[in-house]
N, C-alpha and C. Protein backbone atom coordinates (compact mmCIF):
# COMPACT_ATOMS: atom_id res chain seq x y z
N MET A 1 41.65 -0.17 9.32
CA MET A 1 40.44 0.15 9.35
C MET A 1 40.33 1.87 9.16
N THR A 2 39.85 2.60 8.42
CA THR A 2 40.48 3.99 8.48
C THR A 2 39.42 4.91 10.01
N GLU A 3 39.71 5.52 10.10
CA GLU A 3 39.64 6.30 11.26
C GLU A 3 37.96 6.91 11.15
N ILE A 4 37.57 7.12 9.93
CA ILE A 4 36.37 7.76 10.05
C ILE A 4 35.34 6.22 9.61
N LYS A 5 35.75 5.48 9.41
CA LYS A 5 35.26 4.26 9.72
C LYS A 5 34.80 3.39 10.83
N GLN A 6 35.64 3.50 11.61
CA GLN A 6 35.81 2.96 12.94
C GLN A 6 34.52 4.25 13.57
N GLN A 7 35.07 5.76 13.54
CA GLN A 7 33.91 6.51 14.09
C GLN A 7 32.37 5.88 13.61
N ILE A 8 32.22 5.91 12.36
CA ILE A 8 30.84 5.56 11.74
C ILE A 8 30.19 4.38 12.31
N LEU A 9 31.18 3.40 12.69
CA LEU A 9 30.66 2.17 13.35
C LEU A 9 30.45 2.53 14.79
N GLU A 10 31.37 3.21 15.43
CA GLU A 10 31.02 3.76 16.83
C GLU A 10 29.47 4.46 17.11
N HIS A 11 29.19 5.29 15.97
CA HIS A 11 28.35 5.92 15.96
C HIS A 11 26.90 5.25 16.29
N LEU A 12 27.18 3.81 15.55
CA LEU A 12 25.87 2.96 15.64
C LEU A 12 25.71 3.02 16.89
N LEU A 13 26.53 2.29 17.87
CA LEU A 13 26.07 2.07 19.38
C LEU A 13 25.41 3.10 20.00
N THR A 14 25.37 4.56 19.60
CA THR A 14 24.40 5.59 20.27
C THR A 14 23.09 5.84 19.69
N ILE A 15 22.94 4.89 18.96
CA ILE A 15 20.98 4.62 18.01
C ILE A 15 20.41 3.66 19.16
N PRO A 16 19.43 4.66 20.01
CA PRO A 16 18.58 4.03 20.64
C PRO A 16 18.24 2.18 20.18
N LYS A 17 17.77 1.80 20.99
CA LYS A 17 17.38 0.47 20.42
C LYS A 17 15.96 0.14 19.65
N TRP A 18 15.28 1.09 20.02
CA TRP A 18 14.03 1.38 19.50
C TRP A 18 13.54 2.32 18.06
N LYS A 19 14.86 2.45 17.25
CA LYS A 19 15.32 3.58 16.85
C LYS A 19 16.14 3.13 15.34
N VAL A 20 16.02 3.64 14.22
CA VAL A 20 16.98 2.92 13.41
C VAL A 20 17.58 4.53 12.82
N MET A 21 18.54 4.61 11.78
CA MET A 21 18.92 5.54 11.10
C MET A 21 19.02 5.23 9.66
N THR A 22 18.77 6.66 8.56
CA THR A 22 19.44 5.87 7.11
C THR A 22 20.44 6.12 6.84
N TYR A 23 20.77 5.74 5.86
CA TYR A 23 22.30 5.88 5.05
C TYR A 23 22.37 7.42 4.67
N LYS A 24 21.74 8.11 4.54
CA LYS A 24 21.53 9.47 4.23
C LYS A 24 21.89 10.65 5.22
N THR A 25 21.19 10.25 6.53
CA THR A 25 21.11 11.25 7.53
C THR A 25 22.72 10.17 8.08
N LEU A 26 22.85 9.46 7.87
CA LEU A 26 24.29 8.98 8.51
C LEU A 26 25.26 9.59 7.80
N ALA A 27 25.13 9.31 6.83
CA ALA A 27 26.07 10.40 5.59
C ALA A 27 26.37 11.79 5.85
N ASP A 28 24.94 12.45 6.04
CA ASP A 28 25.15 14.04 6.56
C ASP A 28 25.71 13.93 7.59
N GLU A 29 25.64 13.68 8.75
CA GLU A 29 26.35 13.62 9.93
C GLU A 29 27.84 13.83 9.86
N PHE A 30 28.24 12.69 8.94
CA PHE A 30 29.72 12.51 9.06
C PHE A 30 30.66 13.29 7.77
N GLY A 31 29.77 14.20 6.84
CA GLY A 31 30.11 14.82 5.89
C GLY A 31 30.63 13.82 4.94
N VAL A 32 29.79 12.74 4.02
CA VAL A 32 30.11 12.02 3.70
C VAL A 32 29.33 11.37 2.55
N HIS A 33 29.32 10.63 1.26
CA HIS A 33 28.41 9.95 0.20
C HIS A 33 27.66 8.67 1.11
N PRO A 34 26.67 8.81 0.94
CA PRO A 34 25.59 7.61 1.40
C PRO A 34 26.31 6.33 1.08
N ARG A 35 27.36 6.38 -0.27
CA ARG A 35 27.74 4.89 -0.79
C ARG A 35 28.67 4.52 0.55
N LYS A 36 29.53 5.48 1.28
CA LYS A 36 30.59 5.22 2.16
C LYS A 36 30.00 4.85 3.08
N ILE A 37 28.99 5.27 3.41
CA ILE A 37 28.10 4.91 4.82
C ILE A 37 27.63 2.92 4.93
N SER A 38 27.55 2.44 2.95
CA SER A 38 26.25 1.28 2.93
C SER A 38 28.37 0.45 2.62
N MET A 39 29.48 0.87 2.15
CA MET A 39 30.16 -0.19 2.10
C MET A 39 30.71 -0.13 3.59
N THR A 40 30.74 0.90 4.80
CA THR A 40 31.45 0.51 6.01
C THR A 40 30.18 -0.47 6.40
N MET A 41 29.42 -0.49 5.72
CA MET A 41 28.48 -1.36 6.62
C MET A 41 28.41 -2.74 6.40
N LYS A 42 28.94 -2.36 5.20
CA LYS A 42 29.23 -4.14 4.12
C LYS A 42 30.15 -4.85 4.68
N TYR A 43 30.90 -4.14 4.83
CA TYR A 43 32.25 -4.70 4.96
C TYR A 43 32.81 -4.67 7.06
N ASN A 44 31.25 -4.57 7.86
CA ASN A 44 31.68 -4.41 9.10
C ASN A 44 32.06 -5.82 9.83
N LEU A 45 32.56 -6.41 10.26
CA LEU A 45 33.21 -7.44 10.17
C LEU A 45 32.59 -7.93 11.69
N GLN A 46 32.00 -7.07 13.06
CA GLN A 46 31.46 -7.32 13.93
C GLN A 46 30.23 -6.87 14.29
N PRO A 47 29.18 -7.32 13.16
CA PRO A 47 27.73 -6.94 13.50
C PRO A 47 27.12 -7.56 14.63
N GLU A 48 27.34 -7.99 15.69
CA GLU A 48 26.84 -8.70 16.87
C GLU A 48 27.62 -7.40 17.77
N VAL A 49 28.39 -6.48 17.49
CA VAL A 49 29.10 -5.58 18.40
C VAL A 49 28.36 -4.33 17.68
N TYR A 50 28.86 -3.65 16.35
CA TYR A 50 28.38 -2.34 15.70
C TYR A 50 26.80 -2.77 15.10
N PRO A 51 25.85 -2.35 15.71
CA PRO A 51 24.29 -2.79 14.69
C PRO A 51 24.48 -2.18 13.89
N CYS A 52 25.05 -2.79 12.58
CA CYS A 52 24.60 -2.32 11.18
C CYS A 52 23.15 -2.43 10.75
N TYR A 53 22.44 -3.46 10.90
CA TYR A 53 21.31 -3.63 10.87
C TYR A 53 20.43 -2.56 11.17
N LYS A 54 20.80 -1.66 11.80
CA LYS A 54 20.16 -0.14 12.16
C LYS A 54 19.93 0.86 10.96
N VAL A 55 20.94 0.50 10.12
CA VAL A 55 21.02 1.48 9.43
C VAL A 55 19.82 0.89 8.15
N ILE A 56 18.93 2.03 7.33
CA ILE A 56 18.26 1.74 6.51
C ILE A 56 18.33 2.72 5.47
N ALA A 57 17.71 2.28 4.35
CA ALA A 57 17.38 3.21 2.81
C ALA A 57 16.61 4.39 3.41
N HIS A 58 16.83 5.13 3.04
CA HIS A 58 15.97 6.74 2.97
C HIS A 58 14.80 6.76 2.38
N SER A 59 14.31 5.28 2.01
CA SER A 59 13.10 5.24 1.18
C SER A 59 12.58 4.73 2.51
N TRP A 60 12.78 4.39 3.66
CA TRP A 60 12.87 3.55 4.76
C TRP A 60 12.38 1.85 4.43
N LYS A 61 12.92 1.66 3.25
CA LYS A 61 12.28 -0.20 2.84
C LYS A 61 13.91 -0.25 3.28
N LEU A 62 13.65 -1.87 3.63
CA LEU A 62 14.99 -2.84 3.83
C LEU A 62 15.08 -3.43 2.79
N TRP A 63 16.32 -3.44 2.36
CA TRP A 63 16.82 -4.31 1.12
C TRP A 63 17.99 -4.84 1.54
N GLY A 64 18.50 -5.34 0.64
CA GLY A 64 20.07 -5.77 0.70
C GLY A 64 20.93 -5.82 1.96
N TYR A 65 20.49 -6.47 2.70
CA TYR A 65 22.02 -6.84 3.77
C TYR A 65 22.89 -8.21 3.60
N SER A 66 23.70 -7.45 3.40
CA SER A 66 25.00 -8.41 2.92
C SER A 66 25.70 -9.38 3.93
N TRP A 67 25.37 -9.25 5.04
CA TRP A 67 26.09 -9.98 5.78
C TRP A 67 25.57 -11.40 6.14
N VAL A 68 26.21 -12.68 6.36
CA VAL A 68 25.91 -14.06 6.00
C VAL A 68 24.48 -14.42 5.93
N HIS A 69 23.57 -13.65 7.14
CA HIS A 69 22.39 -13.87 7.22
C HIS A 69 21.30 -13.52 6.85
N GLY A 70 21.95 -12.59 6.16
CA GLY A 70 20.87 -12.14 5.00
C GLY A 70 19.71 -11.13 5.42
N ILE A 71 18.89 -10.82 5.05
CA ILE A 71 18.10 -9.70 5.10
C ILE A 71 17.28 -9.92 6.33
N HIS A 72 16.76 -11.67 6.14
CA HIS A 72 16.14 -12.20 7.31
C HIS A 72 16.72 -11.97 8.50
N TRP A 73 17.94 -11.80 8.76
CA TRP A 73 18.21 -11.55 10.29
C TRP A 73 18.29 -10.29 11.11
N LYS A 74 17.99 -9.16 9.48
CA LYS A 74 18.14 -7.90 9.96
C LYS A 74 16.53 -7.36 10.41
N VAL A 75 15.93 -8.59 9.43
CA VAL A 75 14.42 -7.84 10.02
C VAL A 75 14.18 -8.53 11.58
N GLU A 76 14.67 -9.40 11.75
CA GLU A 76 14.63 -10.32 13.41
C GLU A 76 14.79 -9.39 14.09
N ARG A 77 16.13 -8.78 14.47
CA ARG A 77 17.16 -8.17 14.64
C ARG A 77 15.76 -6.94 15.00
N LEU A 78 15.64 -6.10 14.23
CA LEU A 78 14.83 -4.94 14.03
C LEU A 78 13.46 -5.65 15.06
N LYS A 79 12.83 -6.51 14.63
CA LYS A 79 11.96 -6.83 15.64
C LYS A 79 12.04 -7.60 16.84
N ALA A 80 13.19 -7.50 17.19
CA ALA A 80 13.50 -7.92 18.69
C ALA A 80 13.62 -6.67 19.19
N ASP A 81 13.86 -5.53 18.21
CA ASP A 81 14.45 -4.03 19.33
C ASP A 81 12.90 -3.22 19.29
N GLY A 82 11.82 -3.98 19.03
CA GLY A 82 10.71 -3.12 18.68
C GLY A 82 10.37 -2.21 17.76
N ILE A 83 10.62 -2.60 16.77
CA ILE A 83 10.74 -1.80 15.82
C ILE A 83 9.81 -2.48 14.55
N GLU A 84 8.74 -1.94 14.37
CA GLU A 84 7.73 -2.39 13.83
C GLU A 84 8.11 -2.51 12.07
N ILE A 85 7.55 -3.44 11.38
CA ILE A 85 7.95 -3.57 9.73
C ILE A 85 6.66 -3.73 9.08
N ILE A 86 5.93 -2.66 8.00
CA ILE A 86 5.02 -2.96 7.65
C ILE A 86 5.38 -3.12 5.82
N ASP A 87 4.91 -3.70 5.38
CA ASP A 87 4.98 -4.02 3.90
C ASP A 87 7.07 -3.44 3.61
N GLY A 88 7.50 -4.46 4.39
CA GLY A 88 9.02 -4.19 4.27
C GLY A 88 9.36 -2.47 4.56
N LYS A 89 8.68 -2.09 4.90
CA LYS A 89 9.27 -0.54 5.39
C LYS A 89 9.11 0.08 7.13
N ILE A 90 10.01 0.55 7.30
CA ILE A 90 9.78 0.80 8.74
C ILE A 90 9.28 2.71 8.79
N GLU A 91 8.25 2.26 9.90
CA GLU A 91 7.50 3.41 10.45
C GLU A 91 8.08 4.58 10.51
N LYS A 92 7.78 5.96 10.31
CA LYS A 92 8.27 7.38 10.62
C LYS A 92 8.84 7.07 11.83
N LYS A 93 7.99 6.81 12.84
CA LYS A 93 8.45 6.90 14.21
C LYS A 93 9.39 6.36 14.64
N PHE A 94 10.06 5.68 14.08
CA PHE A 94 10.92 4.43 14.18
C PHE A 94 12.57 5.23 13.99
N ILE A 95 12.35 5.99 13.18
CA ILE A 95 13.51 6.21 12.39
C ILE A 95 14.12 8.04 12.80
N ILE A 96 15.34 8.19 13.46
CA ILE A 96 16.23 9.18 13.54
C ILE A 96 16.00 10.24 12.64
């Protein structure tokens, strides 16, 4: 794994339990394209350690989650963190 990918994954640990971050915001913080963030999330081999479920689309919508348990697992984890999902979207108050 490259150093930047490891840094991105470790940054996920700093997102508070009741918050999420968009691919775009995370990409801006690291000076990379949002697709770099999505690919890092896609190939996260330790989603129980690095909470990639906390990264969402810039539109605040929940879509495509490629980990073995799929989008339903992402929704369950977000709800367990106290994040409200309405019509498939995260409310603004939960977004960093």
